[in-house]
Amino acid sequence: MVLIVFFTRAVSLEVWLNKGLFDREKLIYEEHLKSGTLSKVYWITYGSKDNALSKNLKNNKKMHAGIEVVGMPSFFNIPKIGNYLYSILMPFYYKNIFVSSDILKINQMDGSWSAVIAKIIYKKPLILRTGYTLSLFLKKSNKSKATIWLSNAVEKIAYKFCDIAVVSSYQDKKYLLEKYKFLKNKLKVISNYIDISVFKPMNTKKYSNRLLFIGRLNHQKNLFNLIDAAYKTNMILDIYGKGELEDELRLYANKNHVTVNFNNTVPNSELPKIINHYKLYLLPSFYEGTPKTLLEAMACGLICIGTDVIGINEIIENEINGYLIKGTDSESISVVVNKAVDNNREIMRNNAIKTVRKNYNLELYVASEKSIFLNIN
């Protein structure tokens, strides 16, 4: 069985490597190839250097031989419009690959039209898998009405044409079934996964007065209030990640005399050692999908604190396997941080580990997706 995976529009293998995502994202495809469920996987990406990068990864035994990267031709490297043109022409440009494939899969809404076009032309079954629901996120963003209207149209068309739709949470499923009645018989939930063989507690020295955050530095993550909360609790804040707000966050921390250590993104394979030096993990987002960094921190036995919002409150059960913050302001965050410091309970750590191992492990995800592959035709 041959699978074609469409990368999100404008995302390349190079981006995956630079953001530290490659080690994590490749796992499911390597597992399917090792088990024999799939004989070949094509990754259609938006990077003109990706073919050479993949060759180098294979030579260094970092990528399974059954994964073939199909990068974007360099003549599509046109500012602003190039990847859009490529996303439309892609199904025609790689005709031979699509003809020889069995299943199509797209992982996000942005660029989903490529997979829809390919499905219509080549009559292949299409799996639409999303880690978060676009229209739900846009409701909470500051995007223009035109952007929201267009994005909703793309979402509706993609769901109309897919054969199976997969979301990562039951809250997303409930929302989508209310919005699109026609999804009733093709919408499934497969929770996000992490590799519990590497994300696990380690016997390492722990920081006593530090808070850990891992993720994108954008408005969604509520990082200005997190910095204020670090000041109010007299804690050092360590941030791992990049994003458009980094310069503003640095200036804000310096202006308010808060000790914040800004670190680059690191490969996913290096995160377990980093996470295990901490006791507390913070995710104060305004909204979320099913955050993998939260799952990784819980799997390592950290006391995890998150806002009581969709995406987080489906994972954290308050004062059972972590703490939920009722507000998103700095005072609400700091109150719960102080509570977690004063009540650093071993049973909560163990419950967090058990939650992830039971519900969010790689083996469970692979088995669920295998079932879809075998029954979709």
Protein backbone atom coordinates (compact mmCIF):
# COMPACT_ATOMS: atom_id res chain seq x y z
CA MET A 1 0.00 0.00 0.00
CA VAL A 2 1.42 3.37 -1.06
CA LEU A 3 0.58 6.57 0.86
CA ILE A 4 0.99 10.16 -0.30
CA VAL A 5 1.33 12.73 2.47
CA PHE A 6 0.82 16.40 1.56
CA PHE A 7 2.79 18.80 3.71
CA THR A 8 1.01 21.93 4.94
CA ARG A 9 1.30 24.74 2.38
CA ALA A 10 4.69 26.49 2.56
CA VAL A 11 6.10 23.87 4.94
CA SER A 12 9.20 21.98 3.87
CA LEU A 13 11.35 19.18 5.23
CA GLU A 14 13.90 21.91 5.96
CA VAL A 15 11.31 23.66 8.15
CA TRP A 16 10.62 20.41 10.02
CA LEU A 17 14.35 20.04 10.69
CA ASN A 18 14.86 23.66 11.74
CA LYS A 19 11.87 23.59 14.10
CA GLY A 20 12.88 20.27 15.62
CA LEU A 21 9.74 18.53 14.32
CA PHE A 22 11.32 15.94 12.04
CA ASP A 23 12.21 13.38 14.72
CA ARG A 24 8.63 13.34 16.00
CA GLU A 25 6.68 13.59 12.74
CA LYS A 26 8.52 10.80 10.94
CA LEU A 27 7.73 8.21 13.63
CA ILE A 28 4.25 7.16 12.49
CA TYR A 29 5.35 6.60 8.89
CA GLU A 30 8.40 4.63 9.92
CA GLU A 31 6.23 2.43 12.13
CA HIS A 32 3.79 1.74 9.27
CA LEU A 33 6.70 0.88 6.97
CA LYS A 34 8.38 -1.38 9.52
CA SER A 35 5.15 -3.30 10.14
CA GLY A 36 4.45 -3.73 6.43
CA THR A 37 1.16 -1.79 6.50
CA LEU A 38 2.71 0.59 3.97
CA SER A 39 5.24 -0.31 1.31
CA LYS A 40 6.10 3.29 0.44
CA VAL A 41 5.38 6.81 1.66
CA TYR A 42 5.71 9.93 -0.45
CA TRP A 43 6.11 13.25 1.34
CA ILE A 44 5.17 16.08 -1.02
CA THR A 45 6.78 19.17 0.45
CA TYR A 46 7.28 22.86 -0.29
CA GLY A 47 11.09 22.95 -0.19
CA SER A 48 13.30 23.11 -3.27
CA LYS A 49 16.23 21.76 -1.20
CA ASP A 50 14.27 18.90 0.33
CA ASN A 51 15.32 16.17 -2.10
CA ALA A 52 18.99 16.74 -1.25
CA LEU A 53 18.20 16.98 2.47
CA SER A 54 16.35 13.66 2.44
CA LYS A 55 19.23 11.97 0.62
CA ASN A 56 21.59 13.17 3.30
CA LEU A 57 19.26 11.98 6.08
CA LYS A 58 19.03 8.52 4.52
CA ASN A 59 22.79 8.32 4.09
CA ASN A 60 23.12 9.05 7.82
CA LYS A 61 20.44 6.47 8.71
CA LYS A 62 18.09 9.14 10.06
CA MET A 63 15.23 8.45 7.66
CA HIS A 64 13.58 5.19 6.60
CA ALA A 65 14.40 4.12 3.04
CA GLY A 66 10.69 3.70 2.32
CA ILE A 67 10.03 7.44 2.67
CA GLU A 68 10.54 9.36 -0.57
CA VAL A 69 10.58 13.13 -0.38
CA VAL A 70 9.17 14.99 -3.38
CA GLY A 71 10.26 18.61 -3.05
CA MET A 72 8.96 21.71 -4.79
CA PRO A 73 10.75 22.54 -8.05
CA SER A 74 12.93 25.64 -7.65
CA PHE A 75 11.10 27.58 -10.38
CA PHE A 76 8.15 27.88 -7.98
CA ASN A 77 10.31 29.95 -5.62
CA ILE A 78 8.37 33.10 -6.45
CA PRO A 79 7.79 35.49 -3.53
CA LYS A 80 4.24 35.41 -2.08
CA ILE A 81 2.56 33.46 -4.90
CA GLY A 82 4.96 30.61 -5.67
CA ASN A 83 3.76 28.07 -3.13
CA TYR A 84 0.12 28.85 -3.98
CA LEU A 85 0.77 28.14 -7.67
CA TYR A 86 2.59 24.96 -6.75
CA SER A 87 -0.23 23.82 -4.46
CA ILE A 88 -2.67 23.99 -7.39
CA LEU A 89 -0.39 22.49 -10.05
CA MET A 90 1.16 19.80 -7.84
CA PRO A 91 -1.42 17.07 -8.65
CA PHE A 92 -0.78 17.54 -12.37
CA TYR A 93 3.00 17.91 -12.09
CA TYR A 94 3.44 14.58 -10.28
CA LYS A 95 0.87 12.57 -12.22
CA ASN A 96 2.90 9.34 -12.20
CA ILE A 97 3.21 9.39 -8.42
CA PHE A 98 -0.50 9.94 -7.89
CA VAL A 99 -1.47 7.22 -10.37
CA SER A 100 0.69 4.69 -8.51
CA SER A 101 -0.56 5.62 -5.03
CA ASP A 102 -3.35 4.05 -2.97
CA ILE A 103 -4.24 6.63 -0.32
CA LEU A 104 -3.91 10.40 0.02
CA LYS A 105 -3.42 12.14 3.36
CA ILE A 106 -3.23 15.81 4.38
CA ASN A 107 -2.31 16.95 7.89
CA GLN A 108 -3.75 20.50 8.01
CA MET A 109 -6.30 22.69 6.25
CA ASP A 110 -3.81 25.11 4.72
CA GLY A 111 -3.06 23.52 1.36
CA SER A 112 -5.81 20.91 1.62
CA TRP A 113 -7.05 21.92 -1.82
CA SER A 114 -4.05 20.10 -3.35
CA ALA A 115 -5.29 16.83 -1.90
CA VAL A 116 -8.89 17.57 -2.94
CA ILE A 117 -7.82 18.23 -6.53
CA ALA A 118 -5.78 15.00 -6.55
CA LYS A 119 -8.71 13.03 -5.18
CA ILE A 120 -11.05 14.35 -7.85
CA ILE A 121 -8.62 13.65 -10.69
CA TYR A 122 -7.23 10.28 -9.62
CA LYS A 123 -10.18 8.88 -7.64
CA LYS A 124 -8.04 8.02 -4.63
CA PRO A 125 -9.41 7.89 -1.06
CA LEU A 126 -8.49 10.94 1.02
CA ILE A 127 -7.79 11.14 4.74
CA LEU A 128 -7.98 14.63 6.22
CA ARG A 129 -6.23 14.77 9.58
CA THR A 130 -5.97 17.96 11.61
CA GLY A 131 -4.24 18.62 14.91
CA TYR A 132 -6.49 21.61 15.48
CA THR A 133 -9.73 22.87 13.92
CA LEU A 134 -9.08 25.90 11.74
CA SER A 135 -12.47 27.62 12.01
CA LEU A 136 -12.43 27.22 15.79
CA PHE A 137 -9.00 28.84 16.02
CA LEU A 138 -10.00 31.66 13.68
CA LYS A 139 -12.94 32.55 15.92
CA LYS A 140 -10.41 33.46 18.59
CA SER A 141 -7.92 35.22 16.33
CA ASN A 142 -7.65 38.76 15.03
CA LYS A 143 -7.83 37.83 11.35
CA SER A 144 -9.81 39.87 8.85
CA LYS A 145 -13.38 38.91 7.92
CA ALA A 146 -12.20 38.07 4.40
CA THR A 147 -9.51 35.70 5.71
CA ILE A 148 -11.98 34.00 8.04
CA TRP A 149 -14.58 33.62 5.27
CA LEU A 150 -12.04 32.14 2.84
CA SER A 151 -10.58 29.80 5.45
CA ASN A 152 -14.04 28.55 6.40
CA ALA A 153 -14.79 27.89 2.73
CA VAL A 154 -11.56 25.87 2.38
CA GLU A 155 -12.43 23.90 5.51
CA LYS A 156 -15.95 23.09 4.34
CA ILE A 157 -14.80 21.95 0.88
CA ALA A 158 -12.04 19.79 2.34
CA TYR A 159 -14.46 18.05 4.69
CA LYS A 160 -16.98 17.58 1.89
CA PHE A 161 -14.52 15.74 -0.33
CA CYS A 162 -12.52 13.70 2.17
CA ASP A 163 -13.41 10.07 2.82
CA ILE A 164 -12.31 10.08 6.44
CA ALA A 165 -11.76 13.09 8.70
CA VAL A 166 -9.57 12.66 11.79
CA VAL A 167 -9.36 15.12 14.67
CA SER A 168 -7.27 14.93 17.83
CA SER A 169 -9.90 15.69 20.46
CA TYR A 170 -13.53 14.91 21.29
CA GLN A 171 -14.18 18.62 21.78
CA ASP A 172 -13.18 19.22 18.15
CA LYS A 173 -15.42 16.35 17.06
CA LYS A 174 -18.41 17.81 18.89
CA TYR A 175 -17.83 21.25 17.38
CA LEU A 176 -17.45 19.92 13.83
CA LEU A 177 -20.52 17.69 14.00
CA GLU A 178 -22.57 20.71 15.02
CA LYS A 179 -21.09 22.79 12.22
CA TYR A 180 -21.06 20.16 9.44
CA LYS A 181 -23.85 17.60 9.77
CA PHE A 182 -22.56 15.68 6.75
CA LEU A 183 -19.48 14.57 8.75
CA LYS A 184 -21.52 12.24 10.95
CA ASN A 185 -20.37 8.98 9.34
CA LYS A 186 -16.79 9.89 8.51
CA LEU A 187 -15.41 11.80 11.50
CA LYS A 188 -13.07 9.97 13.85
CA VAL A 189 -10.95 10.91 16.87
CA ILE A 190 -7.34 9.78 17.09
CA SER A 191 -5.52 11.63 19.84
CA ASN A 192 -2.07 13.08 19.28
CA TYR A 193 0.82 10.82 20.18
CA ILE A 194 4.26 11.02 21.72
CA ASP A 195 7.02 8.44 21.93
CA ILE A 196 6.78 7.25 25.54
CA SER A 197 9.94 5.19 25.09
CA VAL A 198 11.97 8.43 25.09
CA PHE A 199 9.66 10.85 26.93
CA LYS A 200 9.84 9.39 30.41
CA PRO A 201 11.18 10.36 33.84
CA MET A 202 14.97 10.47 34.20
CA ASN A 203 17.11 10.57 37.29
CA THR A 204 18.47 14.07 36.72
CA LYS A 205 19.08 17.09 38.92
CA LYS A 206 16.01 19.36 38.98
CA TYR A 207 15.91 23.15 38.96
CA SER A 208 14.27 24.41 42.12
CA ASN A 209 13.02 27.83 40.98
CA ARG A 210 12.41 27.62 37.24
CA LEU A 211 9.36 27.41 35.03
CA LEU A 212 9.48 25.73 31.61
CA PHE A 213 7.59 26.71 28.45
CA ILE A 214 8.05 25.08 25.04
CA GLY A 215 6.24 26.31 21.94
CA ARG A 216 5.71 29.02 19.38
CA LEU A 217 6.17 32.60 20.51
CA ASN A 218 2.88 34.02 19.30
CA HIS A 219 -0.26 35.66 20.66
CA GLN A 220 -2.07 32.36 21.20
CA LYS A 221 0.39 31.27 23.89
CA ASN A 222 -0.30 34.23 26.24
CA LEU A 223 3.39 34.76 27.00
CA PHE A 224 3.28 38.34 28.26
CA ASN A 225 1.05 37.23 31.12
CA LEU A 226 3.36 34.26 31.69
CA ILE A 227 6.33 36.63 32.06
CA ASP A 228 4.35 38.73 34.56
CA ALA A 229 3.45 35.58 36.49
CA ALA A 230 7.11 34.56 36.65
CA TYR A 231 7.90 37.93 38.20
CA LYS A 232 5.07 37.63 40.74
CA THR A 233 6.20 34.17 41.82
CA ASN A 234 9.90 35.10 41.86
CA MET A 235 10.69 32.32 39.38
CA ILE A 236 13.03 32.14 36.42
CA LEU A 237 11.26 31.44 33.13
CA ASP A 238 12.98 29.26 30.52
CA ILE A 239 11.46 29.45 27.05
CA TYR A 240 12.26 27.05 24.21
CA GLY A 241 10.89 28.11 20.84
CA LYS A 242 10.80 30.78 18.19
CA GLY A 243 8.11 33.05 16.82
CA GLU A 244 7.09 36.49 15.69
CA LEU A 245 6.83 37.90 19.22
CA GLU A 246 10.36 37.04 20.35
CA ASP A 247 11.82 40.56 20.11
CA GLU A 248 8.80 42.09 21.87
CA LEU A 249 8.95 39.47 24.61
CA ARG A 250 12.66 40.08 25.19
CA LEU A 251 12.09 43.82 25.50
CA TYR A 252 9.12 43.28 27.81
CA ALA A 253 11.08 40.96 30.09
CA ASN A 254 14.03 43.38 30.26
CA LYS A 255 11.79 46.40 30.88
CA ASN A 256 10.02 44.64 33.75
CA HIS A 257 13.20 43.13 35.22
CA VAL A 258 12.08 39.51 34.78
CA THR A 259 14.69 36.81 34.28
CA VAL A 260 13.66 35.00 31.10
CA ASN A 261 16.03 32.71 29.22
CA PHE A 262 15.16 32.52 25.53
CA ASN A 263 16.41 29.32 23.90
CA ASN A 264 16.23 28.15 20.30
CA THR A 265 14.04 25.30 19.19
CA VAL A 266 15.75 21.94 19.59
CA PRO A 267 15.22 18.58 17.87
CA ASN A 268 12.42 16.60 19.45
CA SER A 269 14.88 13.84 20.33
CA GLU A 270 16.77 16.27 22.61
CA LEU A 271 13.73 17.48 24.53
CA PRO A 272 13.43 14.61 27.06
CA LYS A 273 16.77 15.49 28.66
CA ILE A 274 15.85 19.18 28.79
CA ILE A 275 12.34 18.62 30.18
CA ASN A 276 13.63 16.30 32.90
CA HIS A 277 15.64 19.10 34.53
CA TYR A 278 12.40 20.87 35.49
CA LYS A 279 9.63 20.34 38.03
CA LEU A 280 6.99 22.66 36.56
CA TYR A 281 5.71 23.10 33.00
CA LEU A 282 3.44 26.03 32.04
CA LEU A 283 1.04 26.29 29.10
CA PRO A 284 -1.08 29.44 29.62
CA SER A 285 -2.60 29.55 26.12
CA PHE A 286 -5.78 31.39 25.18
CA TYR A 287 -6.74 28.34 23.06
CA GLU A 288 -5.14 25.09 21.92
CA GLY A 289 -5.48 21.99 19.78
CA THR A 290 -4.05 18.93 21.52
CA PRO A 291 -0.62 20.25 22.55
CA LYS A 292 2.14 17.70 22.19
CA THR A 293 4.55 19.65 24.37
CA LEU A 294 2.10 19.31 27.25
CA LEU A 295 1.90 15.55 26.69
CA GLU A 296 5.70 15.32 26.56
CA ALA A 297 6.08 17.20 29.84
CA MET A 298 3.44 15.06 31.53
CA ALA A 299 5.11 11.88 30.27
CA CYS A 300 8.36 13.04 31.89
CA GLY A 301 6.59 13.42 35.22
CA LEU A 302 6.46 17.21 35.50
CA ILE A 303 3.71 19.02 37.37
CA CYS A 304 1.90 20.63 34.44
CA ILE A 305 -0.15 23.81 34.67
CA GLY A 306 -2.44 24.92 31.87
CA THR A 307 -5.31 27.28 31.28
CA ASP A 308 -8.81 25.85 31.46
CA VAL A 309 -9.42 26.05 27.70
CA ILE A 310 -10.38 23.64 24.94
CA GLY A 311 -7.43 21.44 24.06
CA ILE A 312 -5.84 21.60 27.50
CA ASN A 313 -8.79 20.73 29.75
CA GLU A 314 -9.37 17.52 27.80
CA ILE A 315 -5.90 16.37 28.91
CA ILE A 316 -5.46 17.88 32.38
CA GLU A 317 -7.87 16.87 35.12
CA ASN A 318 -7.55 19.57 37.73
CA GLU A 319 -5.55 18.55 40.81
CA ILE A 320 -5.51 14.95 39.60
CA ASN A 321 -2.84 14.87 36.90
CA GLY A 322 -2.04 18.60 36.80
CA TYR A 323 -3.49 22.03 37.49
CA LEU A 324 -5.97 24.08 35.48
CA ILE A 325 -5.93 27.88 35.66
CA LYS A 326 -9.42 29.38 35.60
CA GLY A 327 -8.28 32.67 34.07
CA THR A 328 -5.65 33.73 31.56
CA ASP A 329 -4.38 36.83 33.44
CA SER A 330 -1.03 36.88 35.24
CA GLU A 331 -2.59 36.90 38.70
CA SER A 332 -4.57 33.71 37.99
CA ILE A 333 -1.44 32.06 36.61
CA SER A 334 0.75 33.08 39.56
CA VAL A 335 -1.78 31.82 42.13
CA VAL A 336 -1.74 28.34 40.61
CA VAL A 337 2.06 28.34 40.22
CA ASN A 338 2.42 29.10 43.93
CA LYS A 339 -0.07 26.36 44.73
CA ALA A 340 1.88 23.87 42.61
CA VAL A 341 5.14 24.81 44.33
CA ASP A 342 3.58 24.32 47.76
CA ASN A 343 1.83 21.06 46.81
CA ASN A 344 4.42 19.29 44.69
CA ARG A 345 2.74 15.89 44.98
CA GLU A 346 4.26 12.67 43.69
CA ILE A 347 0.82 11.15 43.04
CA MET A 348 0.04 13.94 40.58
CA ARG A 349 3.26 13.23 38.68
CA ASN A 350 2.41 9.54 38.49
CA ASN A 351 -1.13 10.28 37.31
CA ALA A 352 0.24 12.52 34.54
CA ILE A 353 2.58 9.76 33.37
CA LYS A 354 -0.25 7.19 33.43
CA THR A 355 -2.57 9.51 31.46
CA VAL A 356 -0.11 9.87 28.60
CA ARG A 357 0.96 6.23 28.53
CA LYS A 358 -2.65 5.07 28.39
CA ASN A 359 -4.18 7.56 25.96
CA TYR A 360 -1.47 9.30 23.94
CA ASN A 361 1.16 6.72 23.03
CA LEU A 362 2.58 6.14 19.56
CA GLU A 363 1.52 2.49 19.42
CA LEU A 364 -2.14 3.41 19.95
CA TYR A 365 -2.02 6.07 17.24
CA VAL A 366 -0.37 3.75 14.70
CA ALA A 367 -2.92 0.98 15.37
CA SER A 368 -5.83 3.41 14.92
CA GLU A 369 -4.44 4.81 11.69
CA LYS A 370 -3.65 1.31 10.37
CA SER A 371 -7.32 0.41 10.82
CA ILE A 372 -8.28 3.40 8.67
CA PHE A 373 -5.79 2.47 5.96
CA LEU A 374 -7.09 -1.10 5.76
CA ASN A 375 -10.76 -0.13 5.65
CA ILE A 376 -10.84 3.07 3.61
CA ASN A 377 -10.92 1.53 0.13
